[in-house]
Amino acid sequence: GGTDKVDINNANVQAYRQFPGMYPTAAGAIASHGPYKEVGEIYKIPGLSEQVKGVIKKYEGQFVVLPANEAYFIDRINNGMYR
């Protein structure tokens, strides 16, 4: 049980489904920007509504920033679904 920490630099959009309200809008925004140096940078994503920021804030403690893996970074939005 419980939730897993999500590495915002390398997680694909599906990883955010465990947080109600994060998917698809907030998840898509986080996954399509970055790489991030710190979790707080996700609030600087252009076009986030206050509602979306509120949802992100709720789960901020579950997010971590690890070095972006370039091979994975490119694929984290598609997640290989279109092959």
C-alpha atoms as a PDB file:
ATOM      1  CA  GLY A   1       0.000   0.000   0.000  1.00  0.00           C
ATOM      2  CA  GLY A   2       0.859   3.653   0.257  1.00  0.00           C
ATOM      3  CA  THR A   3       2.182   5.814  -2.498  1.00  0.00           C
ATOM      4  CA  ASP A   4       5.502   5.682  -4.255  1.00  0.00           C
ATOM      5  CA  LYS A   5       7.706   8.726  -4.625  1.00  0.00           C
ATOM      6  CA  VAL A   6       7.606  10.018  -8.172  1.00  0.00           C
ATOM      7  CA  ASP A   7      10.812  11.259  -9.776  1.00  0.00           C
ATOM      8  CA  ILE A   8       9.534  14.231 -11.768  1.00  0.00           C
ATOM      9  CA  ASN A   9      12.486  14.183 -14.165  1.00  0.00           C
ATOM     10  CA  ASN A  10      12.031  10.585 -15.267  1.00  0.00           C
ATOM     11  CA  ALA A  11       8.452   9.565 -14.513  1.00  0.00           C
ATOM     12  CA  ASN A  12       6.000   9.237 -17.368  1.00  0.00           C
ATOM     13  CA  VAL A  13       2.435  10.523 -17.109  1.00  0.00           C
ATOM     14  CA  GLN A  14       1.066   7.169 -15.924  1.00  0.00           C
ATOM     15  CA  ALA A  15       3.105   7.418 -12.710  1.00  0.00           C
ATOM     16  CA  TYR A  16       0.864  10.255 -11.522  1.00  0.00           C
ATOM     17  CA  ARG A  17      -2.368   8.235 -11.683  1.00  0.00           C
ATOM     18  CA  GLN A  18      -1.838   7.233  -8.026  1.00  0.00           C
ATOM     19  CA  PHE A  19      -2.567  10.857  -7.041  1.00  0.00           C
ATOM     20  CA  PRO A  20      -6.243  11.769  -7.551  1.00  0.00           C
ATOM     21  CA  GLY A  21      -6.578  14.882  -9.693  1.00  0.00           C
ATOM     22  CA  MET A  22      -3.018  14.826 -11.047  1.00  0.00           C
ATOM     23  CA  TYR A  23      -3.834  12.932 -14.239  1.00  0.00           C
ATOM     24  CA  PRO A  24      -3.980  13.972 -17.030  1.00  0.00           C
ATOM     25  CA  THR A  25      -3.577  17.767 -16.785  1.00  0.00           C
ATOM     26  CA  ALA A  26      -0.958  18.267 -14.074  1.00  0.00           C
ATOM     27  CA  ALA A  27       0.809  15.018 -15.015  1.00  0.00           C
ATOM     28  CA  GLY A  28       1.024  16.043 -18.654  1.00  0.00           C
ATOM     29  CA  ALA A  29       2.372  19.478 -17.786  1.00  0.00           C
ATOM     30  CA  ILE A  30       5.072  18.078 -15.496  1.00  0.00           C
ATOM     31  CA  ALA A  31       6.059  15.338 -17.952  1.00  0.00           C
ATOM     32  CA  SER A  32       6.275  17.682 -20.928  1.00  0.00           C
ATOM     33  CA  HIS A  33       8.545  20.223 -19.205  1.00  0.00           C
ATOM     34  CA  GLY A  34      11.813  19.963 -17.333  1.00  0.00           C
ATOM     35  CA  PRO A  35      14.319  18.670 -16.615  1.00  0.00           C
ATOM     36  CA  TYR A  36      13.957  20.147 -13.156  1.00  0.00           C
ATOM     37  CA  LYS A  37      16.643  20.970 -10.615  1.00  0.00           C
ATOM     38  CA  GLU A  38      14.176  21.019  -7.727  1.00  0.00           C
ATOM     39  CA  VAL A  39      10.538  20.135  -7.159  1.00  0.00           C
ATOM     40  CA  GLY A  40       9.524  23.793  -6.761  1.00  0.00           C
ATOM     41  CA  GLU A  41      10.304  24.435 -10.421  1.00  0.00           C
ATOM     42  CA  ILE A  42       7.103  22.684 -11.460  1.00  0.00           C
ATOM     43  CA  TYR A  43       5.167  25.751 -10.308  1.00  0.00           C
ATOM     44  CA  LYS A  44       6.951  27.789 -13.006  1.00  0.00           C
ATOM     45  CA  ILE A  45       5.463  25.711 -15.831  1.00  0.00           C
ATOM     46  CA  PRO A  46       3.637  28.179 -18.100  1.00  0.00           C
ATOM     47  CA  GLY A  47      -0.140  27.960 -18.282  1.00  0.00           C
ATOM     48  CA  LEU A  48      -0.834  26.105 -15.039  1.00  0.00           C
ATOM     49  CA  SER A  49      -4.166  27.138 -13.542  1.00  0.00           C
ATOM     50  CA  GLU A  50      -4.427  27.858  -9.831  1.00  0.00           C
ATOM     51  CA  GLN A  51      -6.534  24.714  -9.521  1.00  0.00           C
ATOM     52  CA  VAL A  52      -3.804  22.572 -11.079  1.00  0.00           C
ATOM     53  CA  LYS A  53      -1.157  24.212  -8.883  1.00  0.00           C
ATOM     54  CA  GLY A  54      -3.301  23.394  -5.878  1.00  0.00           C
ATOM     55  CA  VAL A  55      -3.446  19.731  -6.838  1.00  0.00           C
ATOM     56  CA  ILE A  56       0.329  19.643  -7.339  1.00  0.00           C
ATOM     57  CA  LYS A  57       0.857  21.338  -3.959  1.00  0.00           C
ATOM     58  CA  LYS A  58      -1.229  18.639  -2.294  1.00  0.00           C
ATOM     59  CA  TYR A  59       1.172  15.903  -3.453  1.00  0.00           C
ATOM     60  CA  GLU A  60       4.409  17.889  -3.606  1.00  0.00           C
ATOM     61  CA  GLY A  61       5.912  15.841  -0.781  1.00  0.00           C
ATOM     62  CA  GLN A  62       5.621  12.708  -2.922  1.00  0.00           C
ATOM     63  CA  PHE A  63       7.822  14.137  -5.687  1.00  0.00           C
ATOM     64  CA  VAL A  64      11.587  13.861  -5.920  1.00  0.00           C
ATOM     65  CA  VAL A  65      14.120  15.140  -8.442  1.00  0.00           C
ATOM     66  CA  LEU A  66      16.758  12.738  -9.717  1.00  0.00           C
ATOM     67  CA  PRO A  67      19.133  13.371 -12.628  1.00  0.00           C
ATOM     68  CA  ALA A  68      17.282  13.096 -15.929  1.00  0.00           C
ATOM     69  CA  ASN A  69      18.085   9.955 -17.879  1.00  0.00           C
ATOM     70  CA  GLU A  70      18.164  11.264 -21.453  1.00  0.00           C
ATOM     71  CA  ALA A  71      17.023   8.077 -23.139  1.00  0.00           C
ATOM     72  CA  TYR A  72      14.067   7.838 -20.806  1.00  0.00           C
ATOM     73  CA  PHE A  73      13.422  11.583 -20.666  1.00  0.00           C
ATOM     74  CA  ILE A  74      12.522  11.693 -24.354  1.00  0.00           C
ATOM     75  CA  ASP A  75      10.133   8.774 -24.030  1.00  0.00           C
ATOM     76  CA  ARG A  76       8.330   9.707 -20.836  1.00  0.00           C
ATOM     77  CA  ILE A  77       5.356  11.340 -22.553  1.00  0.00           C
ATOM     78  CA  ASN A  78       4.811   8.688 -25.209  1.00  0.00           C
ATOM     79  CA  ASN A  79       5.894   5.903 -22.868  1.00  0.00           C
ATOM     80  CA  GLY A  80       6.486   3.788 -25.958  1.00  0.00           C
ATOM     81  CA  MET A  81       2.750   3.636 -26.623  1.00  0.00           C
ATOM     82  CA  TYR A  82       3.009   4.676 -30.265  1.00  0.00           C
ATOM     83  CA  ARG A  83       5.487   2.052 -31.433  1.00  0.00           C
END
